[in-house]
Amino acid sequence: RLNPIVGYIGLGLGLASLGLAKDFSGPLVAAMAEAGVMFL
């Protein structure tokens, strides 16, 4: 019963805690994240 935003940010923090942040910091992921804000 949480807002999905909390789940998404928690997922990112969990991946960063495992030392995987750089594995998901490529241009494709960054472009898709920027596109999400643009569509919003």
All heavy atoms as atom14 arrays in JSON, in Angstrom:
{
  "sequence": "RLNPIVGYIGLGLGLASLGLAKDFSGPLVAAMAEAGVMFL",
  "atom14_mask": [
    [1, 1, 1, 1, 1, 1, 1, 1, 1, 1, 1, 0, 0, 0],
    [1, 1, 1, 1, 1, 1, 1, 1, 0, 0, 0, 0, 0, 0],
    [1, 1, 1, 1, 1, 1, 1, 1, 0, 0, 0, 0, 0, 0],
    [1, 1, 1, 1, 1, 1, 1, 0, 0, 0, 0, 0, 0, 0],
    [1, 1, 1, 1, 1, 1, 1, 1, 0, 0, 0, 0, 0, 0],
    [1, 1, 1, 1, 1, 1, 1, 0, 0, 0, 0, 0, 0, 0],
    [1, 1, 1, 1, 0, 0, 0, 0, 0, 0, 0, 0, 0, 0],
    [1, 1, 1, 1, 1, 1, 1, 1, 1, 1, 1, 1, 0, 0],
    [1, 1, 1, 1, 1, 1, 1, 1, 0, 0, 0, 0, 0, 0],
    [1, 1, 1, 1, 0, 0, 0, 0, 0, 0, 0, 0, 0, 0],
    [1, 1, 1, 1, 1, 1, 1, 1, 0, 0, 0, 0, 0, 0],
    [1, 1, 1, 1, 0, 0, 0, 0, 0, 0, 0, 0, 0, 0],
    [1, 1, 1, 1, 1, 1, 1, 1, 0, 0, 0, 0, 0, 0],
    [1, 1, 1, 1, 0, 0, 0, 0, 0, 0, 0, 0, 0, 0],
    [1, 1, 1, 1, 1, 1, 1, 1, 0, 0, 0, 0, 0, 0],
    [1, 1, 1, 1, 1, 0, 0, 0, 0, 0, 0, 0, 0, 0],
    [1, 1, 1, 1, 1, 1, 0, 0, 0, 0, 0, 0, 0, 0],
    [1, 1, 1, 1, 1, 1, 1, 1, 0, 0, 0, 0, 0, 0],
    [1, 1, 1, 1, 0, 0, 0, 0, 0, 0, 0, 0, 0, 0],
    [1, 1, 1, 1, 1, 1, 1, 1, 0, 0, 0, 0, 0, 0],
    [1, 1, 1, 1, 1, 0, 0, 0, 0, 0, 0, 0, 0, 0],
    [1, 1, 1, 1, 1, 1, 1, 1, 1, 0, 0, 0, 0, 0],
    [1, 1, 1, 1, 1, 1, 1, 1, 0, 0, 0, 0, 0, 0],
    [1, 1, 1, 1, 1, 1, 1, 1, 1, 1, 1, 0, 0, 0],
    [1, 1, 1, 1, 1, 1, 0, 0, 0, 0, 0, 0, 0, 0],
    [1, 1, 1, 1, 0, 0, 0, 0, 0, 0, 0, 0, 0, 0],
    [1, 1, 1, 1, 1, 1, 1, 0, 0, 0, 0, 0, 0, 0],
    [1, 1, 1, 1, 1, 1, 1, 1, 0, 0, 0, 0, 0, 0],
    [1, 1, 1, 1, 1, 1, 1, 0, 0, 0, 0, 0, 0, 0],
    [1, 1, 1, 1, 1, 0, 0, 0, 0, 0, 0, 0, 0, 0],
    [1, 1, 1, 1, 1, 0, 0, 0, 0, 0, 0, 0, 0, 0],
    [1, 1, 1, 1, 1, 1, 1, 1, 0, 0, 0, 0, 0, 0],
    [1, 1, 1, 1, 1, 0, 0, 0, 0, 0, 0, 0, 0, 0],
    [1, 1, 1, 1, 1, 1, 1, 1, 1, 0, 0, 0, 0, 0],
    [1, 1, 1, 1, 1, 0, 0, 0, 0, 0, 0, 0, 0, 0],
    [1, 1, 1, 1, 0, 0, 0, 0, 0, 0, 0, 0, 0, 0],
    [1, 1, 1, 1, 1, 1, 1, 0, 0, 0, 0, 0, 0, 0],
    [1, 1, 1, 1, 1, 1, 1, 1, 0, 0, 0, 0, 0, 0],
    [1, 1, 1, 1, 1, 1, 1, 1, 1, 1, 1, 0, 0, 0],
    [1, 1, 1, 1, 1, 1, 1, 1, 0, 0, 0, 0, 0, 0]
  ],
  "atom14_positions": [
    [[0.82, -1.21, 0.0], [0.0, 0.0, 0.0], [0.85, 1.26, 0.0], [0.56, 2.24, 0.7], [-0.96, 0.01, 1.19], [-1.98, -1.13, 1.14], [-2.97, -1.03, 2.27], [-3.97, -2.09, 2.2], [-4.98, -2.24, 3.06], [-5.13, -1.37, 4.05], [-5.84, -3.24, 2.93], [0.0, 0.0, 0.0], [0.0, 0.0, 0.0], [0.0, 0.0, 0.0]],
    [[1.93, 1.21, -0.77], [2.82, 2.36, -0.93], [2.69, 2.91, -2.34], [2.3, 2.2, -3.26], [4.28, 1.96, -0.67], [4.64, 1.49, 0.74], [6.08, 1.01, 0.77], [4.45, 2.61, 1.75], [0.0, 0.0, 0.0], [0.0, 0.0, 0.0], [0.0, 0.0, 0.0], [0.0, 0.0, 0.0], [0.0, 0.0, 0.0], [0.0, 0.0, 0.0]],
    [[3.01, 4.18, -2.5], [3.06, 4.77, -3.83], [4.18, 4.09, -4.63], [5.28, 3.88, -4.1], [3.32, 6.27, -3.72], [3.13, 6.98, -5.03], [3.86, 6.74, -5.98], [2.17, 7.89, -5.07], [0.0, 0.0, 0.0], [0.0, 0.0, 0.0], [0.0, 0.0, 0.0], [0.0, 0.0, 0.0], [0.0, 0.0, 0.0], [0.0, 0.0, 0.0]],
    [[3.95, 3.73, -5.89], [5.0, 3.09, -6.69], [6.28, 3.91, -6.77], [7.37, 3.34, -6.95], [4.35, 2.95, -8.07], [2.89, 2.92, -7.81], [2.67, 3.82, -6.64], [0.0, 0.0, 0.0], [0.0, 0.0, 0.0], [0.0, 0.0, 0.0], [0.0, 0.0, 0.0], [0.0, 0.0, 0.0], [0.0, 0.0, 0.0], [0.0, 0.0, 0.0]],
    [[6.19, 5.23, -6.64], [7.39, 6.07, -6.67], [8.37, 5.63, -5.6], [9.58, 5.56, -5.82], [7.0, 7.55, -6.48], [6.19, 8.05, -7.68], [8.25, 8.43, -6.3], [5.62, 9.44, -7.5], [0.0, 0.0, 0.0], [0.0, 0.0, 0.0], [0.0, 0.0, 0.0], [0.0, 0.0, 0.0], [0.0, 0.0, 0.0], [0.0, 0.0, 0.0]],
    [[7.84, 5.31, -4.41], [8.7, 4.86, -3.31], [9.39, 3.55, -3.69], [10.59, 3.37, -3.43], [7.87, 4.67, -2.02], [8.73, 4.12, -0.9], [7.24, 5.99, -1.61], [0.0, 0.0, 0.0], [0.0, 0.0, 0.0], [0.0, 0.0, 0.0], [0.0, 0.0, 0.0], [0.0, 0.0, 0.0], [0.0, 0.0, 0.0], [0.0, 0.0, 0.0]],
    [[8.65, 2.65, -4.32], [9.23, 1.38, -4.74], [10.34, 1.55, -5.76], [11.4, 0.91, -5.67], [0.0, 0.0, 0.0], [0.0, 0.0, 0.0], [0.0, 0.0, 0.0], [0.0, 0.0, 0.0], [0.0, 0.0, 0.0], [0.0, 0.0, 0.0], [0.0, 0.0, 0.0], [0.0, 0.0, 0.0], [0.0, 0.0, 0.0], [0.0, 0.0, 0.0]],
    [[10.12, 2.43, -6.74], [11.14, 2.65, -7.77], [12.41, 3.26, -7.18], [13.53, 2.83, -7.49], [10.58, 3.57, -8.86], [9.47, 2.97, -9.68], [8.33, 3.71, -10.02], [9.54, 1.65, -10.14], [7.31, 3.16, -10.79], [8.53, 1.09, -10.89], [7.41, 1.85, -11.22], [6.41, 1.31, -11.97], [0.0, 0.0, 0.0], [0.0, 0.0, 0.0]],
    [[12.25, 4.29, -6.34], [13.43, 4.92, -5.74], [14.13, 3.93, -4.8], [15.37, 3.87, -4.76], [13.03, 6.21, -5.0], [12.47, 7.23, -5.99], [14.22, 6.8, -4.25], [12.01, 8.53, -5.36], [0.0, 0.0, 0.0], [0.0, 0.0, 0.0], [0.0, 0.0, 0.0], [0.0, 0.0, 0.0], [0.0, 0.0, 0.0], [0.0, 0.0, 0.0]],
    [[13.35, 3.14, -4.06], [13.96, 2.13, -3.2], [14.73, 1.09, -3.99], [15.8, 0.63, -3.56], [0.0, 0.0, 0.0], [0.0, 0.0, 0.0], [0.0, 0.0, 0.0], [0.0, 0.0, 0.0], [0.0, 0.0, 0.0], [0.0, 0.0, 0.0], [0.0, 0.0, 0.0], [0.0, 0.0, 0.0], [0.0, 0.0, 0.0], [0.0, 0.0, 0.0]],
    [[14.21, 0.72, -5.16], [14.92, -0.22, -6.02], [16.27, 0.37, -6.45], [17.3, -0.31, -6.4], [14.07, -0.54, -7.25], [14.76, -1.33, -8.37], [15.24, -2.69, -7.89], [13.83, -1.48, -9.57], [0.0, 0.0, 0.0], [0.0, 0.0, 0.0], [0.0, 0.0, 0.0], [0.0, 0.0, 0.0], [0.0, 0.0, 0.0], [0.0, 0.0, 0.0]],
    [[16.26, 1.63, -6.87], [17.51, 2.27, -7.28], [18.51, 2.34, -6.14], [19.71, 2.06, -6.33], [0.0, 0.0, 0.0], [0.0, 0.0, 0.0], [0.0, 0.0, 0.0], [0.0, 0.0, 0.0], [0.0, 0.0, 0.0], [0.0, 0.0, 0.0], [0.0, 0.0, 0.0], [0.0, 0.0, 0.0], [0.0, 0.0, 0.0], [0.0, 0.0, 0.0]],
    [[18.04, 2.68, -4.93], [18.93, 2.72, -3.78], [19.5, 1.34, -3.46], [20.68, 1.19, -3.12], [18.18, 3.28, -2.57], [18.95, 3.31, -1.24], [20.23, 4.14, -1.37], [18.06, 3.86, -0.13], [0.0, 0.0, 0.0], [0.0, 0.0, 0.0], [0.0, 0.0, 0.0], [0.0, 0.0, 0.0], [0.0, 0.0, 0.0], [0.0, 0.0, 0.0]],
    [[18.65, 0.31, -3.58], [19.12, -1.05, -3.33], [20.21, -1.46, -4.31], [21.23, -2.07, -3.91], [0.0, 0.0, 0.0], [0.0, 0.0, 0.0], [0.0, 0.0, 0.0], [0.0, 0.0, 0.0], [0.0, 0.0, 0.0], [0.0, 0.0, 0.0], [0.0, 0.0, 0.0], [0.0, 0.0, 0.0], [0.0, 0.0, 0.0], [0.0, 0.0, 0.0]],
    [[20.04, -1.13, -5.58], [21.05, -1.45, -6.59], [22.34, -0.67, -6.32], [23.45, -1.22, -6.47], [20.53, -1.13, -7.99], [19.37, -2.01, -8.48], [18.83, -1.47, -9.81], [19.83, -3.45, -8.65], [0.0, 0.0, 0.0], [0.0, 0.0, 0.0], [0.0, 0.0, 0.0], [0.0, 0.0, 0.0], [0.0, 0.0, 0.0], [0.0, 0.0, 0.0]],
    [[22.19, 0.61, -5.91], [23.38, 1.4, -5.6], [24.11, 0.83, -4.39], [25.35, 0.82, -4.35], [22.98, 2.86, -5.34], [0.0, 0.0, 0.0], [0.0, 0.0, 0.0], [0.0, 0.0, 0.0], [0.0, 0.0, 0.0], [0.0, 0.0, 0.0], [0.0, 0.0, 0.0], [0.0, 0.0, 0.0], [0.0, 0.0, 0.0], [0.0, 0.0, 0.0]],
    [[23.37, 0.33, -3.41], [23.99, -0.26, -2.22], [24.76, -1.52, -2.55], [25.73, -1.87, -1.85], [22.9, -0.57, -1.18], [22.2, 0.6, -0.81], [0.0, 0.0, 0.0], [0.0, 0.0, 0.0], [0.0, 0.0, 0.0], [0.0, 0.0, 0.0], [0.0, 0.0, 0.0], [0.0, 0.0, 0.0], [0.0, 0.0, 0.0], [0.0, 0.0, 0.0]],
    [[24.35, -2.21, -3.62], [25.06, -3.42, -4.05], [26.24, -3.09, -4.98], [26.88, -4.0, -5.51], [24.09, -4.35, -4.77], [22.94, -4.93, -3.92], [21.97, -5.71, -4.79], [23.51, -5.83, -2.82], [0.0, 0.0, 0.0], [0.0, 0.0, 0.0], [0.0, 0.0, 0.0], [0.0, 0.0, 0.0], [0.0, 0.0, 0.0], [0.0, 0.0, 0.0]],
    [[26.5, -1.81, -5.16], [27.6, -1.4, -6.02], [27.32, -1.52, -7.5], [28.24, -1.61, -8.31], [0.0, 0.0, 0.0], [0.0, 0.0, 0.0], [0.0, 0.0, 0.0], [0.0, 0.0, 0.0], [0.0, 0.0, 0.0], [0.0, 0.0, 0.0], [0.0, 0.0, 0.0], [0.0, 0.0, 0.0], [0.0, 0.0, 0.0], [0.0, 0.0, 0.0]],
    [[26.03, -1.51, -7.88], [25.65, -1.72, -9.28], [25.21, -0.42, -9.97], [24.7, -0.48, -11.09], [24.49, -2.73, -9.34], [24.79, -4.13, -8.78], [23.53, -4.99, -8.8], [25.91, -4.8, -9.57], [0.0, 0.0, 0.0], [0.0, 0.0, 0.0], [0.0, 0.0, 0.0], [0.0, 0.0, 0.0], [0.0, 0.0, 0.0], [0.0, 0.0, 0.0]],
    [[25.42, 0.72, -9.33], [24.94, 1.98, -9.91], [25.56, 2.23, -11.28], [24.88, 2.65, -12.22], [25.23, 3.14, -8.96], [0.0, 0.0, 0.0], [0.0, 0.0, 0.0], [0.0, 0.0, 0.0], [0.0, 0.0, 0.0], [0.0, 0.0, 0.0], [0.0, 0.0, 0.0], [0.0, 0.0, 0.0], [0.0, 0.0, 0.0], [0.0, 0.0, 0.0]],
    [[26.86, 1.99, -11.4], [27.53, 2.25, -12.68], [27.04, 1.33, -13.79], [27.09, 1.69, -14.97], [29.04, 2.11, -12.52], [29.67, 3.2, -11.66], [31.19, 3.06, -11.62], [31.81, 4.2, -10.81], [33.29, 4.08, -10.74], [0.0, 0.0, 0.0], [0.0, 0.0, 0.0], [0.0, 0.0, 0.0], [0.0, 0.0, 0.0], [0.0, 0.0, 0.0]],
    [[26.57, 0.14, -13.42], [26.07, -0.8, -14.44], [24.77, -0.3, -15.09], [24.4, -0.77, -16.17], [25.81, -2.17, -13.8], [27.09, -2.82, -13.29], [28.17, -2.47, -13.81], [27.01, -3.66, -12.37], [0.0, 0.0, 0.0], [0.0, 0.0, 0.0], [0.0, 0.0, 0.0], [0.0, 0.0, 0.0], [0.0, 0.0, 0.0], [0.0, 0.0, 0.0]],
    [[24.09, 0.63, -14.42], [22.82, 1.12, -14.95], [22.86, 2.63, -15.23], [21.84, 3.29, -15.23], [21.68, 0.83, -13.96], [21.47, -0.63, -13.71], [21.97, -1.24, -12.58], [20.78, -1.42, -14.63], [21.78, -2.6, -12.34], [20.58, -2.76, -14.41], [21.09, -3.36, -13.25], [0.0, 0.0, 0.0], [0.0, 0.0, 0.0], [0.0, 0.0, 0.0]],
    [[24.06, 3.16, -15.44], [24.2, 4.59, -15.68], [24.55, 4.91, -17.12], [25.11, 5.95, -17.41], [25.29, 5.17, -14.76], [26.53, 4.5, -14.99], [0.0, 0.0, 0.0], [0.0, 0.0, 0.0], [0.0, 0.0, 0.0], [0.0, 0.0, 0.0], [0.0, 0.0, 0.0], [0.0, 0.0, 0.0], [0.0, 0.0, 0.0], [0.0, 0.0, 0.0]],
    [[24.23, 3.99, -18.04], [24.54, 4.19, -19.45], [23.64, 5.22, -20.11], [22.63, 5.67, -19.53], [0.0, 0.0, 0.0], [0.0, 0.0, 0.0], [0.0, 0.0, 0.0], [0.0, 0.0, 0.0], [0.0, 0.0, 0.0], [0.0, 0.0, 0.0], [0.0, 0.0, 0.0], [0.0, 0.0, 0.0], [0.0, 0.0, 0.0], [0.0, 0.0, 0.0]],
    [[23.97, 5.59, -21.33], [23.19, 6.63, -22.03], [21.76, 6.22, -22.33], [20.86, 7.06, -22.37], [23.99, 6.86, -23.31], [24.82, 5.62, -23.5], [25.13, 5.14, -22.11], [0.0, 0.0, 0.0], [0.0, 0.0, 0.0], [0.0, 0.0, 0.0], [0.0, 0.0, 0.0], [0.0, 0.0, 0.0], [0.0, 0.0, 0.0], [0.0, 0.0, 0.0]],
    [[21.51, 4.91, -22.58], [20.16, 4.47, -22.9], [19.23, 4.67, -21.71], [18.12, 5.21, -21.85], [20.16, 3.01, -23.34], [18.77, 2.42, -23.66], [18.12, 3.18, -24.8], [18.89, 0.93, -24.0], [0.0, 0.0, 0.0], [0.0, 0.0, 0.0], [0.0, 0.0, 0.0], [0.0, 0.0, 0.0], [0.0, 0.0, 0.0], [0.0, 0.0, 0.0]],
    [[19.66, 4.24, -20.52], [18.83, 4.4, -19.32], [18.62, 5.88, -19.03], [17.51, 6.32, -18.7], [19.48, 3.69, -18.13], [18.72, 4.01, -16.83], [19.5, 2.18, -18.35], [0.0, 0.0, 0.0], [0.0, 0.0, 0.0], [0.0, 0.0, 0.0], [0.0, 0.0, 0.0], [0.0, 0.0, 0.0], [0.0, 0.0, 0.0], [0.0, 0.0, 0.0]],
    [[19.68, 6.69, -19.18], [19.56, 8.13, -18.93], [18.57, 8.78, -19.9], [17.76, 9.63, -19.52], [20.93, 8.8, -19.05], [0.0, 0.0, 0.0], [0.0, 0.0, 0.0], [0.0, 0.0, 0.0], [0.0, 0.0, 0.0], [0.0, 0.0, 0.0], [0.0, 0.0, 0.0], [0.0, 0.0, 0.0], [0.0, 0.0, 0.0], [0.0, 0.0, 0.0]],
    [[18.63, 8.37, -21.17], [17.72, 8.91, -22.18], [16.28, 8.52, -21.88], [15.35, 9.33, -22.03], [18.13, 8.44, -23.57], [0.0, 0.0, 0.0], [0.0, 0.0, 0.0], [0.0, 0.0, 0.0], [0.0, 0.0, 0.0], [0.0, 0.0, 0.0], [0.0, 0.0, 0.0], [0.0, 0.0, 0.0], [0.0, 0.0, 0.0], [0.0, 0.0, 0.0]],
    [[16.06, 7.26, -21.45], [14.7, 6.82, -21.14], [14.15, 7.55, -19.92], [12.96, 7.89, -19.86], [14.69, 5.31, -20.93], [15.05, 4.52, -22.18], [15.11, 2.73, -21.92], [13.38, 2.32, -21.87], [0.0, 0.0, 0.0], [0.0, 0.0, 0.0], [0.0, 0.0, 0.0], [0.0, 0.0, 0.0], [0.0, 0.0, 0.0], [0.0, 0.0, 0.0]],
    [[15.03, 7.81, -18.94], [14.6, 8.56, -17.76], [14.21, 9.99, -18.14], [13.18, 10.52, -17.69], [15.71, 8.58, -16.71], [0.0, 0.0, 0.0], [0.0, 0.0, 0.0], [0.0, 0.0, 0.0], [0.0, 0.0, 0.0], [0.0, 0.0, 0.0], [0.0, 0.0, 0.0], [0.0, 0.0, 0.0], [0.0, 0.0, 0.0], [0.0, 0.0, 0.0]],
    [[15.03, 10.62, -18.98], [14.72, 11.98, -19.43], [13.44, 12.01, -20.25], [12.62, 12.93, -20.14], [15.88, 12.52, -20.26], [15.75, 13.98, -20.64], [15.85, 14.92, -19.46], [16.66, 14.64, -18.55], [15.11, 15.91, -19.43], [0.0, 0.0, 0.0], [0.0, 0.0, 0.0], [0.0, 0.0, 0.0], [0.0, 0.0, 0.0], [0.0, 0.0, 0.0]],
    [[13.24, 10.97, -21.07], [12.02, 10.89, -21.88], [10.79, 10.78, -20.99], [9.72, 11.33, -21.3], [12.09, 9.7, -22.83], [0.0, 0.0, 0.0], [0.0, 0.0, 0.0], [0.0, 0.0, 0.0], [0.0, 0.0, 0.0], [0.0, 0.0, 0.0], [0.0, 0.0, 0.0], [0.0, 0.0, 0.0], [0.0, 0.0, 0.0], [0.0, 0.0, 0.0]],
    [[10.91, 10.07, -19.87], [9.78, 9.96, -18.94], [9.33, 11.31, -18.43], [8.13, 11.62, -18.37], [0.0, 0.0, 0.0], [0.0, 0.0, 0.0], [0.0, 0.0, 0.0], [0.0, 0.0, 0.0], [0.0, 0.0, 0.0], [0.0, 0.0, 0.0], [0.0, 0.0, 0.0], [0.0, 0.0, 0.0], [0.0, 0.0, 0.0], [0.0, 0.0, 0.0]],
    [[10.3, 12.15, -18.03], [9.96, 13.49, -17.54], [9.38, 14.32, -18.68], [8.44, 15.11, -18.48], [11.2, 14.17, -16.94], [10.84, 15.55, -16.41], [11.78, 13.32, -15.81], [0.0, 0.0, 0.0], [0.0, 0.0, 0.0], [0.0, 0.0, 0.0], [0.0, 0.0, 0.0], [0.0, 0.0, 0.0], [0.0, 0.0, 0.0], [0.0, 0.0, 0.0]],
    [[9.91, 14.18, -19.89], [9.38, 14.92, -21.03], [7.93, 14.54, -21.32], [7.08, 15.4, -21.56], [10.26, 14.68, -22.26], [11.63, 15.32, -22.17], [12.71, 14.81, -23.53], [11.82, 15.49, -24.94], [0.0, 0.0, 0.0], [0.0, 0.0, 0.0], [0.0, 0.0, 0.0], [0.0, 0.0, 0.0], [0.0, 0.0, 0.0], [0.0, 0.0, 0.0]],
    [[7.62, 13.24, -21.29], [6.25, 12.8, -21.53], [5.33, 13.31, -20.43], [4.17, 13.66, -20.68], [6.17, 11.28, -21.6], [6.75, 10.7, -22.86], [7.53, 9.56, -22.83], [6.53, 11.3, -24.1], [8.07, 9.02, -24.0], [7.06, 10.77, -25.26], [7.83, 9.63, -25.21], [0.0, 0.0, 0.0], [0.0, 0.0, 0.0], [0.0, 0.0, 0.0]],
    [[5.85, 13.37, -19.2], [5.05, 13.88, -18.08], [4.7, 15.34, -18.31], [3.55, 15.76, -18.15], [5.83, 13.72, -16.78], [5.11, 14.18, -15.52], [4.0, 13.21, -15.15], [6.09, 14.3, -14.36], [0.0, 0.0, 0.0], [0.0, 0.0, 0.0], [0.0, 0.0, 0.0], [0.0, 0.0, 0.0], [0.0, 0.0, 0.0], [0.0, 0.0, 0.0]]
  ]
}
